[in-house]
């Protein structure tokens, strides 16, 4: 992960290298993502089984894959109204 900070215009620029692809995340996008996450947690946090804090890209992807496999293999439940069977 490469992080560059330009103090002149206070623009923060984060780059994450994914194999050969480069993902750019500017401070406005990052702030919007954090704010959306905060709102989701406030509104739906009581339904969360896990919260993943992205420390590194590798650890985050590994944790997501581990949880996806667990969801696929173990029984789970959701509230009936989420299914919208009508």
PDB file of N, CA and C in Angstrom:
ATOM      1  N   UNK A   1       0.857  -1.176   0.000  1.00  0.00           N
ATOM      2  CA  UNK A   1       0.000   0.000   0.000  1.00  0.00           C
ATOM      3  C   UNK A   1       0.895   1.229   0.000  1.00  0.00           C
ATOM      4  N   UNK A   2       0.619   2.125  -0.883  1.00  0.00           N
ATOM      5  CA  UNK A   2       1.369   3.371  -0.979  1.00  0.00           C
ATOM      6  C   UNK A   2       0.457   4.503  -0.552  1.00  0.00           C
ATOM      7  N   UNK A   3       0.915   5.324   0.350  1.00  0.00           N
ATOM      8  CA  UNK A   3       0.131   6.473   0.796  1.00  0.00           C
ATOM      9  C   UNK A   3       0.930   7.731   0.529  1.00  0.00           C
ATOM     10  N   UNK A   4       0.327   8.672  -0.180  1.00  0.00           N
ATOM     11  CA  UNK A   4       0.984   9.957  -0.405  1.00  0.00           C
ATOM     12  C   UNK A   4       0.101  11.053   0.161  1.00  0.00           C
ATOM     13  N   UNK A   5       0.713  11.984   0.832  1.00  0.00           N
ATOM     14  CA  UNK A   5      -0.036  13.088   1.424  1.00  0.00           C
ATOM     15  C   UNK A   5       0.566  14.390   0.925  1.00  0.00           C
ATOM     16  N   UNK A   6      -0.252  15.194   0.294  1.00  0.00           N
ATOM     17  CA  UNK A   6       0.179  16.494  -0.205  1.00  0.00           C
ATOM     18  C   UNK A   6      -0.354  17.544   0.758  1.00  0.00           C
ATOM     19  N   UNK A   7       0.506  18.104   1.582  1.00  0.00           N
ATOM     20  CA  UNK A   7       0.072  19.064   2.598  1.00  0.00           C
ATOM     21  C   UNK A   7      -0.286  20.428   2.033  1.00  0.00           C
ATOM     22  N   UNK A   8       0.174  20.747   0.820  1.00  0.00           N
ATOM     23  CA  UNK A   8      -0.114  22.064   0.248  1.00  0.00           C
ATOM     24  C   UNK A   8      -1.606  22.273   0.043  1.00  0.00           C
ATOM     25  N   UNK A   9      -2.270  21.324  -0.586  1.00  0.00           N
ATOM     26  CA  UNK A   9      -3.711  21.480  -0.814  1.00  0.00           C
ATOM     27  C   UNK A   9      -4.530  20.545   0.078  1.00  0.00           C
ATOM     28  N   UNK A  10      -3.863  19.910   1.025  1.00  0.00           N
ATOM     29  CA  UNK A  10      -4.498  19.024   1.996  1.00  0.00           C
ATOM     30  C   UNK A  10      -5.271  17.899   1.325  1.00  0.00           C
ATOM     31  N   UNK A  11      -4.813  17.482   0.179  1.00  0.00           N
ATOM     32  CA  UNK A  11      -5.425  16.370  -0.551  1.00  0.00           C
ATOM     33  C   UNK A  11      -4.695  15.089  -0.175  1.00  0.00           C
ATOM     34  N   UNK A  12      -5.414  14.156   0.377  1.00  0.00           N
ATOM     35  CA  UNK A  12      -4.828  12.883   0.755  1.00  0.00           C
ATOM     36  C   UNK A  12      -5.088  11.885  -0.365  1.00  0.00           C
ATOM     37  N   UNK A  13      -4.105  11.143  -0.723  1.00  0.00           N
ATOM     38  CA  UNK A  13      -4.211  10.212  -1.836  1.00  0.00           C
ATOM     39  C   UNK A  13      -3.678   8.860  -1.397  1.00  0.00           C
ATOM     40  N   UNK A  14      -4.508   7.860  -1.475  1.00  0.00           N
ATOM     41  CA  UNK A  14      -4.126   6.515  -1.094  1.00  0.00           C
ATOM     42  C   UNK A  14      -4.121   5.646  -2.334  1.00  0.00           C
ATOM     43  N   UNK A  15      -3.126   4.826  -2.479  1.00  0.00           N
ATOM     44  CA  UNK A  15      -3.060   3.889  -3.587  1.00  0.00           C
ATOM     45  C   UNK A  15      -2.866   2.495  -3.021  1.00  0.00           C
ATOM     46  N   UNK A  16      -3.655   1.559  -3.518  1.00  0.00           N
ATOM     47  CA  UNK A  16      -3.530   0.167  -3.125  1.00  0.00           C
ATOM     48  C   UNK A  16      -3.237  -0.620  -4.380  1.00  0.00           C
ATOM     49  N   UNK A  17      -2.145  -1.342  -4.388  1.00  0.00           N
ATOM     50  CA  UNK A  17      -1.782  -2.112  -5.568  1.00  0.00           C
ATOM     51  C   UNK A  17      -2.403  -3.500  -5.460  1.00  0.00           C
ATOM     52  N   UNK A  18      -3.258  -3.841  -6.415  1.00  0.00           N
ATOM     53  CA  UNK A  18      -3.885  -5.148  -6.496  1.00  0.00           C
ATOM     54  C   UNK A  18      -3.310  -5.864  -7.704  1.00  0.00           C
ATOM     55  N   UNK A  19      -2.432  -6.804  -7.495  1.00  0.00           N
ATOM     56  CA  UNK A  19      -1.748  -7.502  -8.581  1.00  0.00           C
ATOM     57  C   UNK A  19      -1.179  -6.467  -9.543  1.00  0.00           C
ATOM     58  N   UNK A  20      -1.786  -6.345 -10.741  1.00  0.00           N
ATOM     59  CA  UNK A  20      -1.301  -5.356 -11.692  1.00  0.00           C
ATOM     60  C   UNK A  20      -2.220  -4.143 -11.763  1.00  0.00           C
ATOM     61  N   UNK A  21      -3.341  -4.175 -11.050  1.00  0.00           N
ATOM     62  CA  UNK A  21      -4.285  -3.056 -11.062  1.00  0.00           C
ATOM     63  C   UNK A  21      -3.949  -2.083  -9.942  1.00  0.00           C
ATOM     64  N   UNK A  22      -4.258  -0.832 -10.150  1.00  0.00           N
ATOM     65  CA  UNK A  22      -4.019   0.194  -9.148  1.00  0.00           C
ATOM     66  C   UNK A  22      -5.352   0.848  -8.814  1.00  0.00           C
ATOM     67  N   UNK A  23      -5.714   0.834  -7.541  1.00  0.00           N
ATOM     68  CA  UNK A  23      -6.966   1.426  -7.089  1.00  0.00           C
ATOM     69  C   UNK A  23      -6.625   2.729  -6.388  1.00  0.00           C
ATOM     70  N   UNK A  24      -7.260   3.808  -6.793  1.00  0.00           N
ATOM     71  CA  UNK A  24      -7.016   5.115  -6.181  1.00  0.00           C
ATOM     72  C   UNK A  24      -8.201   5.503  -5.311  1.00  0.00           C
ATOM     73  N   UNK A  25      -7.914   6.048  -4.168  1.00  0.00           N
ATOM     74  CA  UNK A  25      -8.967   6.495  -3.266  1.00  0.00           C
ATOM     75  C   UNK A  25      -8.575   7.875  -2.747  1.00  0.00           C
ATOM     76  N   UNK A  26      -9.318   8.889  -3.135  1.00  0.00           N
ATOM     77  CA  UNK A  26      -9.031  10.252  -2.710  1.00  0.00           C
ATOM     78  C   UNK A  26      -9.786  10.565  -1.425  1.00  0.00           C
ATOM     79  N   UNK A  27      -9.381  11.592  -0.724  1.00  0.00           N
ATOM     80  CA  UNK A  27      -9.939  11.851   0.592  1.00  0.00           C
ATOM     81  C   UNK A  27     -11.450  12.066   0.566  1.00  0.00           C
ATOM     82  N   UNK A  28     -12.020  12.688  -0.464  1.00  0.00           N
ATOM     83  CA  UNK A  28     -13.473  12.868  -0.521  1.00  0.00           C
ATOM     84  C   UNK A  28     -14.187  11.528  -0.634  1.00  0.00           C
ATOM     85  N   UNK A  29     -13.657  10.640  -1.466  1.00  0.00           N
ATOM     86  CA  UNK A  29     -14.243   9.307  -1.608  1.00  0.00           C
ATOM     87  C   UNK A  29     -14.119   8.526  -0.309  1.00  0.00           C
ATOM     88  N   UNK A  30     -12.965   8.627   0.320  1.00  0.00           N
ATOM     89  CA  UNK A  30     -12.736   7.928   1.577  1.00  0.00           C
ATOM     90  C   UNK A  30     -13.667   8.451   2.664  1.00  0.00           C
ATOM     91  N   UNK A  31     -13.827   9.771   2.740  1.00  0.00           N
ATOM     92  CA  UNK A  31     -14.739  10.362   3.719  1.00  0.00           C
ATOM     93  C   UNK A  31     -16.173   9.910   3.469  1.00  0.00           C
ATOM     94  N   UNK A  32     -16.601   9.866   2.205  1.00  0.00           N
ATOM     95  CA  UNK A  32     -17.956   9.425   1.866  1.00  0.00           C
ATOM     96  C   UNK A  32     -18.156   7.965   2.250  1.00  0.00           C
ATOM     97  N   UNK A  33     -17.155   7.144   1.998  1.00  0.00           N
ATOM     98  CA  UNK A  33     -17.233   5.726   2.348  1.00  0.00           C
ATOM     99  C   UNK A  33     -17.337   5.541   3.862  1.00  0.00           C
ATOM    100  N   UNK A  34     -16.532   6.275   4.604  1.00  0.00           N
ATOM    101  CA  UNK A  34     -16.561   6.191   6.068  1.00  0.00           C
ATOM    102  C   UNK A  34     -17.908   6.659   6.602  1.00  0.00           C
ATOM    103  N   UNK A  35     -18.442   7.745   6.055  1.00  0.00           N
ATOM    104  CA  UNK A  35     -19.734   8.264   6.508  1.00  0.00           C
ATOM    105  C   UNK A  35     -20.863   7.284   6.200  1.00  0.00           C
ATOM    106  N   UNK A  36     -20.847   6.689   5.015  1.00  0.00           N
ATOM    107  CA  UNK A  36     -21.858   5.690   4.660  1.00  0.00           C
ATOM    108  C   UNK A  36     -21.772   4.489   5.591  1.00  0.00           C
ATOM    109  N   UNK A  37     -20.563   4.043   5.875  1.00  0.00           N
ATOM    110  CA  UNK A  37     -20.364   2.914   6.788  1.00  0.00           C
ATOM    111  C   UNK A  37     -20.889   3.242   8.179  1.00  0.00           C
ATOM    112  N   UNK A  38     -20.616   4.451   8.638  1.00  0.00           N
ATOM    113  CA  UNK A  38     -21.085   4.867   9.958  1.00  0.00           C
ATOM    114  C   UNK A  38     -22.611   4.854  10.031  1.00  0.00           C
ATOM    115  N   UNK A  39     -23.259   5.379   8.990  1.00  0.00           N
ATOM    116  CA  UNK A  39     -24.725   5.402   8.958  1.00  0.00           C
ATOM    117  C   UNK A  39     -25.299   3.990   8.925  1.00  0.00           C
ATOM    118  N   UNK A  40     -24.676   3.121   8.129  1.00  0.00           N
ATOM    119  CA  UNK A  40     -25.145   1.733   8.063  1.00  0.00           C
ATOM    120  C   UNK A  40     -25.008   1.045   9.418  1.00  0.00           C
ATOM    121  N   UNK A  41     -23.882   1.292  10.089  1.00  0.00           N
ATOM    122  CA  UNK A  41     -23.678   0.664  11.392  1.00  0.00           C
ATOM    123  C   UNK A  41     -24.676   1.187  12.418  1.00  0.00           C
ATOM    124  N   UNK A  42     -24.966   2.489  12.396  1.00  0.00           N
ATOM    125  CA  UNK A  42     -25.955   3.042  13.319  1.00  0.00           C
ATOM    126  C   UNK A  42     -27.339   2.453  13.076  1.00  0.00           C
ATOM    127  N   UNK A  43     -27.694   2.313  11.817  1.00  0.00           N
ATOM    128  CA  UNK A  43     -29.035   1.844  11.473  1.00  0.00           C
ATOM    129  C   UNK A  43     -29.186   0.328  11.569  1.00  0.00           C
ATOM    130  N   UNK A  44     -28.169  -0.408  11.144  1.00  0.00           N
ATOM    131  CA  UNK A  44     -28.284  -1.857  11.042  1.00  0.00           C
ATOM    132  C   UNK A  44     -27.276  -2.619  11.900  1.00  0.00           C
ATOM    133  N   UNK A  45     -26.507  -1.916  12.724  1.00  0.00           N
ATOM    134  CA  UNK A  45     -25.439  -2.548  13.495  1.00  0.00           C
ATOM    135  C   UNK A  45     -25.885  -3.710  14.358  1.00  0.00           C
ATOM    136  N   UNK A  46     -27.112  -3.674  14.860  1.00  0.00           N
ATOM    137  CA  UNK A  46     -27.602  -4.768  15.697  1.00  0.00           C
ATOM    138  C   UNK A  46     -27.774  -6.064  14.907  1.00  0.00           C
ATOM    139  N   UNK A  47     -27.749  -5.995  13.581  1.00  0.00           N
ATOM    140  CA  UNK A  47     -27.842  -7.193  12.748  1.00  0.00           C
ATOM    141  C   UNK A  47     -26.457  -7.721  12.348  1.00  0.00           C
ATOM    142  N   UNK A  48     -25.410  -6.985  12.629  1.00  0.00           N
ATOM    143  CA  UNK A  48     -24.062  -7.382  12.204  1.00  0.00           C
ATOM    144  C   UNK A  48     -23.561  -8.553  13.039  1.00  0.00           C
ATOM    145  N   UNK A  49     -23.021  -9.550  12.376  1.00  0.00           N
ATOM    146  CA  UNK A  49     -22.338 -10.642  13.063  1.00  0.00           C
ATOM    147  C   UNK A  49     -20.853 -10.339  13.206  1.00  0.00           C
ATOM    148  N   UNK A  50     -20.308  -9.641  12.255  1.00  0.00           N
ATOM    149  CA  UNK A  50     -18.880  -9.309  12.251  1.00  0.00           C
ATOM    150  C   UNK A  50     -18.670  -7.897  11.705  1.00  0.00           C
ATOM    151  N   UNK A  51     -17.649  -7.254  12.182  1.00  0.00           N
ATOM    152  CA  UNK A  51     -17.192  -5.988  11.626  1.00  0.00           C
ATOM    153  C   UNK A  51     -15.744  -6.206  11.224  1.00  0.00           C
ATOM    154  N   UNK A  52     -15.441  -5.944   9.962  1.00  0.00           N
ATOM    155  CA  UNK A  52     -14.082  -6.130   9.463  1.00  0.00           C
ATOM    156  C   UNK A  52     -13.414  -4.761   9.378  1.00  0.00           C
ATOM    157  N   UNK A  53     -12.319  -4.621  10.089  1.00  0.00           N
ATOM    158  CA  UNK A  53     -11.534  -3.394  10.033  1.00  0.00           C
ATOM    159  C   UNK A  53     -10.406  -3.636   9.031  1.00  0.00           C
ATOM    160  N   UNK A  54     -10.392  -2.909   7.912  1.00  0.00           N
ATOM    161  CA  UNK A  54      -9.385  -3.173   6.873  1.00  0.00           C
ATOM    162  C   UNK A  54      -8.005  -2.627   7.243  1.00  0.00           C
ATOM    163  N   UNK A  55      -7.207  -3.481   7.879  1.00  0.00           N
ATOM    164  CA  UNK A  55      -5.851  -3.063   8.255  1.00  0.00           C
ATOM    165  C   UNK A  55      -4.912  -3.142   7.058  1.00  0.00           C
ATOM    166  N   UNK A  56      -4.939  -4.269   6.367  1.00  0.00           N
ATOM    167  CA  UNK A  56      -4.179  -4.419   5.123  1.00  0.00           C
ATOM    168  C   UNK A  56      -5.102  -5.057   4.103  1.00  0.00           C
ATOM    169  N   UNK A  57      -4.794  -4.895   2.834  1.00  0.00           N
ATOM    170  CA  UNK A  57      -5.616  -5.486   1.790  1.00  0.00           C
ATOM    171  C   UNK A  57      -5.622  -7.004   1.900  1.00  0.00           C
ATOM    172  N   UNK A  58      -4.458  -7.595   2.116  1.00  0.00           N
ATOM    173  CA  UNK A  58      -4.370  -9.052   2.217  1.00  0.00           C
ATOM    174  C   UNK A  58      -5.193  -9.594   3.378  1.00  0.00           C
ATOM    175  N   UNK A  59      -5.064  -8.988   4.551  1.00  0.00           N
ATOM    176  CA  UNK A  59      -5.808  -9.490   5.711  1.00  0.00           C
ATOM    177  C   UNK A  59      -7.312  -9.283   5.539  1.00  0.00           C
ATOM    178  N   UNK A  60      -7.710  -8.197   4.896  1.00  0.00           N
ATOM    179  CA  UNK A  60      -9.129  -7.928   4.668  1.00  0.00           C
ATOM    180  C   UNK A  60      -9.731  -8.937   3.703  1.00  0.00           C
ATOM    181  N   UNK A  61      -9.054  -9.191   2.595  1.00  0.00           N
ATOM    182  CA  UNK A  61      -9.548 -10.164   1.614  1.00  0.00           C
ATOM    183  C   UNK A  61      -9.586 -11.556   2.229  1.00  0.00           C
ATOM    184  N   UNK A  62      -8.557 -11.920   2.980  1.00  0.00           N
ATOM    185  CA  UNK A  62      -8.525 -13.227   3.642  1.00  0.00           C
ATOM    186  C   UNK A  62      -9.703 -13.377   4.590  1.00  0.00           C
ATOM    187  N   UNK A  63      -9.993 -12.345   5.375  1.00  0.00           N
ATOM    188  CA  UNK A  63     -11.117 -12.394   6.308  1.00  0.00           C
ATOM    189  C   UNK A  63     -12.451 -12.470   5.567  1.00  0.00           C
ATOM    190  N   UNK A  64     -12.609 -11.718   4.483  1.00  0.00           N
ATOM    191  CA  UNK A  64     -13.845 -11.784   3.688  1.00  0.00           C
ATOM    192  C   UNK A  64     -14.058 -13.182   3.107  1.00  0.00           C
ATOM    193  N   UNK A  65     -13.009 -13.781   2.586  1.00  0.00           N
ATOM    194  CA  UNK A  65     -13.117 -15.132   2.023  1.00  0.00           C
ATOM    195  C   UNK A  65     -13.463 -16.131   3.116  1.00  0.00           C
ATOM    196  N   UNK A  66     -12.807 -16.010   4.269  1.00  0.00           N
ATOM    197  CA  UNK A  66     -13.087 -16.918   5.384  1.00  0.00           C
ATOM    198  C   UNK A  66     -14.550 -16.818   5.813  1.00  0.00           C
ATOM    199  N   UNK A  67     -15.062 -15.599   5.918  1.00  0.00           N
ATOM    200  CA  UNK A  67     -16.459 -15.414   6.313  1.00  0.00           C
ATOM    201  C   UNK A  67     -17.425 -15.909   5.241  1.00  0.00           C
ATOM    202  N   UNK A  68     -17.098 -15.706   3.959  1.00  0.00           N
ATOM    203  CA  UNK A  68     -17.957 -16.194   2.871  1.00  0.00           C
ATOM    204  C   UNK A  68     -18.047 -17.714   2.900  1.00  0.00           C
ATOM    205  N   UNK A  69     -16.927 -18.379   3.123  1.00  0.00           N
ATOM    206  CA  UNK A  69     -16.926 -19.845   3.207  1.00  0.00           C
ATOM    207  C   UNK A  69     -17.746 -20.302   4.406  1.00  0.00           C
ATOM    208  N   UNK A  70     -17.589 -19.615   5.537  1.00  0.00           N
ATOM    209  CA  UNK A  70     -18.358 -19.956   6.735  1.00  0.00           C
ATOM    210  C   UNK A  70     -19.859 -19.784   6.483  1.00  0.00           C
ATOM    211  N   UNK A  71     -20.248 -18.684   5.829  1.00  0.00           N
ATOM    212  CA  UNK A  71     -21.665 -18.463   5.513  1.00  0.00           C
ATOM    213  C   UNK A  71     -22.211 -19.534   4.582  1.00  0.00           C
ATOM    214  N   UNK A  72     -21.385 -19.981   3.661  1.00  0.00           N
ATOM    215  CA  UNK A  72     -21.804 -21.001   2.707  1.00  0.00           C
ATOM    216  C   UNK A  72     -21.993 -22.361   3.381  1.00  0.00           C
ATOM    217  N   UNK A  73     -21.198 -22.658   4.384  1.00  0.00           N
ATOM    218  CA  UNK A  73     -21.185 -23.993   4.990  1.00  0.00           C
ATOM    219  C   UNK A  73     -22.051 -24.127   6.235  1.00  0.00           C
ATOM    220  N   UNK A  74     -22.242 -23.046   6.976  1.00  0.00           N
ATOM    221  CA  UNK A  74     -22.974 -23.121   8.239  1.00  0.00           C
ATOM    222  C   UNK A  74     -24.375 -22.536   8.093  1.00  0.00           C
ATOM    223  N   UNK A  75     -25.338 -23.099   8.827  1.00  0.00           N
ATOM    224  CA  UNK A  75     -26.697 -22.546   8.768  1.00  0.00           C
ATOM    225  C   UNK A  75     -26.732 -21.115   9.315  1.00  0.00           C
ATOM    226  N   UNK A  76     -27.549 -20.293   8.691  1.00  0.00           N
ATOM    227  CA  UNK A  76     -27.730 -18.915   9.132  1.00  0.00           C
ATOM    228  C   UNK A  76     -29.211 -18.574   9.079  1.00  0.00           C
ATOM    229  N   UNK A  77     -29.572 -17.425   9.578  1.00  0.00           N
ATOM    230  CA  UNK A  77     -30.959 -16.981   9.504  1.00  0.00           C
ATOM    231  C   UNK A  77     -30.985 -15.496   9.179  1.00  0.00           C
ATOM    232  N   UNK A  78     -32.107 -15.088   8.635  1.00  0.00           N
ATOM    233  CA  UNK A  78     -32.389 -13.673   8.421  1.00  0.00           C
ATOM    234  C   UNK A  78     -33.841 -13.448   8.813  1.00  0.00           C
ATOM    235  N   UNK A  79     -34.206 -12.238   9.188  1.00  0.00           N
ATOM    236  CA  UNK A  79     -35.613 -11.975   9.490  1.00  0.00           C
ATOM    237  C   UNK A  79     -36.492 -12.272   8.270  1.00  0.00           C
ATOM    238  N   UNK A  80     -37.658 -12.806   8.521  1.00  0.00           N
ATOM    239  CA  UNK A  80     -38.564 -13.202   7.446  1.00  0.00           C
ATOM    240  C   UNK A  80     -38.877 -12.049   6.497  1.00  0.00           C
ATOM    241  N   UNK A  81     -39.049 -10.844   7.032  1.00  0.00           N
ATOM    242  CA  UNK A  81     -39.420  -9.717   6.170  1.00  0.00           C
ATOM    243  C   UNK A  81     -38.307  -9.333   5.197  1.00  0.00           C
ATOM    244  N   UNK A  82     -37.074  -9.780   5.421  1.00  0.00           N
ATOM    245  CA  UNK A  82     -36.005  -9.514   4.461  1.00  0.00           C
ATOM    246  C   UNK A  82     -36.194 -10.307   3.178  1.00  0.00           C
ATOM    247  N   UNK A  83     -36.914 -11.410   3.255  1.00  0.00           N
ATOM    248  CA  UNK A  83     -37.077 -12.283   2.094  1.00  0.00           C
ATOM    249  C   UNK A  83     -38.080 -11.738   1.097  1.00  0.00           C
ATOM    250  N   UNK A  84     -39.030 -10.922   1.540  1.00  0.00           N
ATOM    251  CA  UNK A  84     -40.007 -10.293   0.661  1.00  0.00           C
ATOM    252  C   UNK A  84     -40.600 -11.303  -0.314  1.00  0.00           C
ATOM    253  N   UNK A  85     -41.276 -12.308   0.231  1.00  0.00           N
ATOM    254  CA  UNK A  85     -41.820 -13.402  -0.574  1.00  0.00           C
ATOM    255  C   UNK A  85     -43.086 -13.029  -1.333  1.00  0.00           C
ATOM    256  N   UNK A  86     -43.631 -11.864  -1.101  1.00  0.00           N
ATOM    257  CA  UNK A  86     -44.878 -11.476  -1.792  1.00  0.00           C
ATOM    258  C   UNK A  86     -44.658 -11.147  -3.239  1.00  0.00           C
TER     259      UNK A  86
END
